[in-house]
Amino acid sequence: MAESAKAKNPMREIKVDKLILNCCVGESGDRLTRAARVLEQLTGQQPVYSKARYTLRSFGIRRNEKIAVHVTVRGEKALEILERGLKVKEYELYQQNFSETGNFGFGINEHIDLGIKYDPTTGIYGMDFFVCLTRAGARVARRKIRQGRIGAGHKITKEDSIKWFQDKFEGVVLNKEA
């Protein structure tokens, strides 16, 4: 009885809070601006540049050098881009793609698989998809006034997010042997 009542509660419905697309080029300059153009083409939003935290001589990057671009997408557009990304992965993710806090991520090797036409002047870029899942009422923990805490029963677990992925996208979660 308690399980069926829990399942019908609209406050317990899991939804996509945001989708973060990250494209790390590893160097500043022309390749980075072309990667930013790819992300802008894909999302229709202006991407943000990320800087290196510290110098790594073996990789040839310096501290505070721009080395990556990322963009955060919310709402219906996030679901649509996520659908295209999962289609590339054939709706198959590994168990280790899911975090304990109920978020998940995966990467693709070529952006042209998402349906963007190949442009020889741009090149081909891979990117990371990271999905943050939430339930209604999550703002309680983030708001400034009358801030509260989310109870353990309302937090999204790894099992919840795997079940949501399997139900929403008919996805397959594989166990990766170490």
Protein backbone atom coordinates (compact mmCIF):
# COMPACT_ATOMS: atom_id res chain seq x y z
CA MET A 1 0.00 0.00 0.00
CA ALA A 2 2.71 2.48 0.95
CA GLU A 3 4.71 1.76 -2.22
CA SER A 4 1.74 2.40 -4.55
CA ALA A 5 0.88 5.65 -2.75
CA LYS A 6 4.53 6.70 -3.05
CA ALA A 7 4.54 5.98 -6.77
CA LYS A 8 1.43 8.11 -7.46
CA ASN A 9 2.71 11.17 -5.60
CA PRO A 10 3.38 13.94 -8.19
CA MET A 11 6.05 15.48 -5.93
CA ARG A 12 8.15 12.33 -6.35
CA GLU A 13 8.29 12.54 -10.15
CA ILE A 14 11.87 12.75 -11.40
CA LYS A 15 12.66 15.35 -14.04
CA VAL A 16 15.76 16.71 -15.77
CA ASP A 17 17.00 19.77 -13.91
CA LYS A 18 19.73 20.59 -16.41
CA LEU A 19 22.00 19.13 -19.07
CA ILE A 20 25.61 20.27 -19.17
CA LEU A 21 27.53 19.85 -22.43
CA ASN A 22 31.30 20.09 -22.06
CA CYS A 23 33.84 20.13 -24.87
CA CYS A 24 37.46 20.11 -23.66
CA VAL A 25 39.95 20.89 -26.40
CA GLY A 26 43.04 21.13 -24.19
CA GLU A 27 44.35 24.31 -25.79
CA SER A 28 43.24 27.88 -26.38
CA GLY A 29 43.00 29.54 -29.73
CA ASP A 30 41.27 28.64 -32.98
CA ARG A 31 40.30 25.06 -32.07
CA LEU A 32 38.58 26.28 -28.91
CA THR A 33 36.56 28.95 -30.72
CA ARG A 34 35.49 26.35 -33.32
CA ALA A 35 34.38 24.02 -30.48
CA ALA A 36 32.39 26.92 -29.01
CA ARG A 37 30.75 27.42 -32.39
CA VAL A 38 29.76 23.73 -32.46
CA LEU A 39 28.14 24.00 -29.01
CA GLU A 40 26.34 27.19 -30.01
CA GLN A 41 25.08 25.48 -33.17
CA LEU A 42 23.82 22.53 -31.14
CA THR A 43 22.09 24.44 -28.33
CA GLY A 44 21.41 27.93 -29.66
CA GLN A 45 23.03 29.36 -26.50
CA GLN A 46 26.28 31.21 -25.88
CA PRO A 47 28.84 28.80 -24.36
CA VAL A 48 31.15 29.67 -21.45
CA TYR A 49 34.92 29.16 -21.49
CA SER A 50 36.65 27.14 -18.75
CA LYS A 51 40.21 27.82 -17.61
CA ALA A 52 42.94 25.41 -16.56
CA ARG A 53 43.35 25.20 -12.78
CA TYR A 54 47.09 24.70 -12.88
CA THR A 55 50.01 24.37 -15.27
CA LEU A 56 50.73 20.93 -16.73
CA ARG A 57 53.88 21.05 -18.82
CA SER A 58 53.40 17.50 -20.12
CA PHE A 59 50.06 18.56 -21.65
CA GLY A 60 51.38 21.97 -22.68
CA ILE A 61 48.78 24.00 -20.78
CA ARG A 62 49.30 26.94 -18.45
CA ARG A 63 47.32 28.06 -15.44
CA ASN A 64 44.28 30.26 -16.31
CA GLU A 65 44.57 29.36 -20.00
CA LYS A 66 41.18 28.74 -21.63
CA ILE A 67 41.06 25.04 -22.50
CA ALA A 68 37.37 24.06 -22.66
CA VAL A 69 33.86 25.32 -23.36
CA HIS A 70 30.62 24.27 -21.72
CA VAL A 71 26.95 25.18 -21.88
CA THR A 72 24.03 24.46 -19.54
CA VAL A 73 20.68 23.66 -21.12
CA ARG A 74 17.37 23.39 -19.27
CA GLY A 75 13.78 22.49 -20.09
CA GLU A 76 12.48 20.86 -23.26
CA LYS A 77 15.62 21.68 -25.22
CA ALA A 78 17.69 19.71 -22.70
CA LEU A 79 15.48 16.64 -23.15
CA GLU A 80 15.68 16.91 -26.93
CA ILE A 81 19.50 17.17 -26.97
CA LEU A 82 19.77 14.36 -24.40
CA GLU A 83 17.60 12.17 -26.63
CA ARG A 84 19.96 12.81 -29.58
CA GLY A 85 23.01 12.04 -27.43
CA LEU A 86 21.52 8.79 -26.14
CA LYS A 87 20.62 7.78 -29.68
CA VAL A 88 24.34 7.97 -30.52
CA LYS A 89 25.09 5.70 -27.53
CA GLU A 90 22.21 3.40 -28.67
CA TYR A 91 20.50 3.96 -25.30
CA GLU A 92 23.18 1.88 -23.55
CA LEU A 93 24.98 3.20 -20.48
CA TYR A 94 27.18 1.51 -17.90
CA GLN A 95 26.36 1.24 -14.22
CA GLN A 96 29.38 3.45 -13.48
CA ASN A 97 27.91 6.27 -15.60
CA PHE A 98 25.47 6.93 -12.73
CA SER A 99 26.56 8.77 -9.58
CA GLU A 100 25.38 8.04 -6.04
CA THR A 101 23.47 11.36 -5.99
CA GLY A 102 21.32 10.29 -8.94
CA ASN A 103 23.03 12.15 -11.76
CA PHE A 104 24.59 10.55 -14.82
CA GLY A 105 26.94 11.36 -17.64
CA PHE A 106 28.42 9.96 -20.82
CA GLY A 107 30.60 11.05 -23.71
CA ILE A 108 30.44 10.94 -27.48
CA ASN A 109 33.40 10.96 -29.86
CA GLU A 110 31.99 12.89 -32.82
CA HIS A 111 29.52 15.77 -32.71
CA ILE A 112 28.37 15.06 -36.26
CA ASP A 113 26.53 11.98 -34.94
CA LEU A 114 24.09 14.38 -33.25
CA GLY A 115 22.73 15.47 -36.62
CA ILE A 116 24.96 18.49 -37.20
CA LYS A 117 26.26 18.67 -40.75
CA TYR A 118 30.02 18.13 -41.10
CA ASP A 119 31.96 21.28 -41.92
CA PRO A 120 35.63 20.78 -42.96
CA THR A 121 36.59 24.23 -41.63
CA THR A 122 35.26 23.33 -38.16
CA GLY A 123 36.51 19.75 -37.78
CA ILE A 124 35.16 17.05 -35.48
CA TYR A 125 34.79 17.42 -31.72
CA GLY A 126 33.78 15.01 -28.98
CA MET A 127 31.85 16.15 -25.95
CA ASP A 128 30.63 15.10 -22.53
CA PHE A 129 26.96 15.05 -21.55
CA PHE A 130 26.13 15.38 -17.86
CA VAL A 131 22.53 15.18 -16.67
CA CYS A 132 21.33 16.49 -13.29
CA LEU A 133 18.06 14.95 -12.16
CA THR A 134 15.76 16.50 -9.56
CA ARG A 135 12.39 16.14 -7.91
CA ALA A 136 9.84 18.85 -7.25
CA GLY A 137 10.70 20.76 -4.08
CA ALA A 138 14.49 20.69 -4.54
CA ARG A 139 14.55 24.49 -4.38
CA VAL A 140 13.93 24.29 -0.61
CA ALA A 141 17.60 23.41 -0.09
CA ARG A 142 18.91 26.12 -2.46
CA ARG A 143 16.77 29.17 -1.71
CA LYS A 144 18.06 32.08 0.38
CA ILE A 145 15.14 32.67 2.78
CA ARG A 146 13.55 29.88 4.87
CA GLN A 147 16.14 27.40 3.64
CA GLY A 148 15.46 23.79 4.60
CA ARG A 149 16.84 20.34 3.99
CA ILE A 150 15.65 17.61 1.71
CA GLY A 151 14.81 14.41 3.55
CA ALA A 152 16.58 11.15 2.77
CA GLY A 153 13.44 9.65 1.27
CA HIS A 154 13.10 12.50 -1.23
CA LYS A 155 16.72 12.51 -2.43
CA ILE A 156 17.41 10.78 -5.73
CA THR A 157 19.55 7.66 -5.43
CA LYS A 158 21.55 5.79 -8.03
CA GLU A 159 18.81 3.16 -8.29
CA ASP A 160 16.15 5.86 -8.81
CA SER A 161 18.05 7.44 -11.66
CA ILE A 162 18.75 4.07 -13.33
CA LYS A 163 15.03 3.19 -13.10
CA TRP A 164 14.08 6.62 -14.52
CA PHE A 165 16.53 6.14 -17.42
CA GLN A 166 15.14 2.68 -18.19
CA ASP A 167 11.50 3.85 -18.01
CA LYS A 168 11.86 7.16 -19.86
CA PHE A 169 14.18 6.07 -22.70
CA GLU A 170 13.81 2.26 -22.59
CA GLY A 171 17.55 2.34 -21.97
CA VAL A 172 19.84 -0.55 -21.09
CA VAL A 173 22.25 -0.35 -18.15
CA LEU A 174 25.24 -2.67 -18.53
CA ASN A 175 27.57 -3.96 -15.83
CA LYS A 176 31.13 -3.22 -16.84
CA GLU A 177 33.61 -5.89 -15.77
CA ALA A 178 36.72 -4.45 -14.19
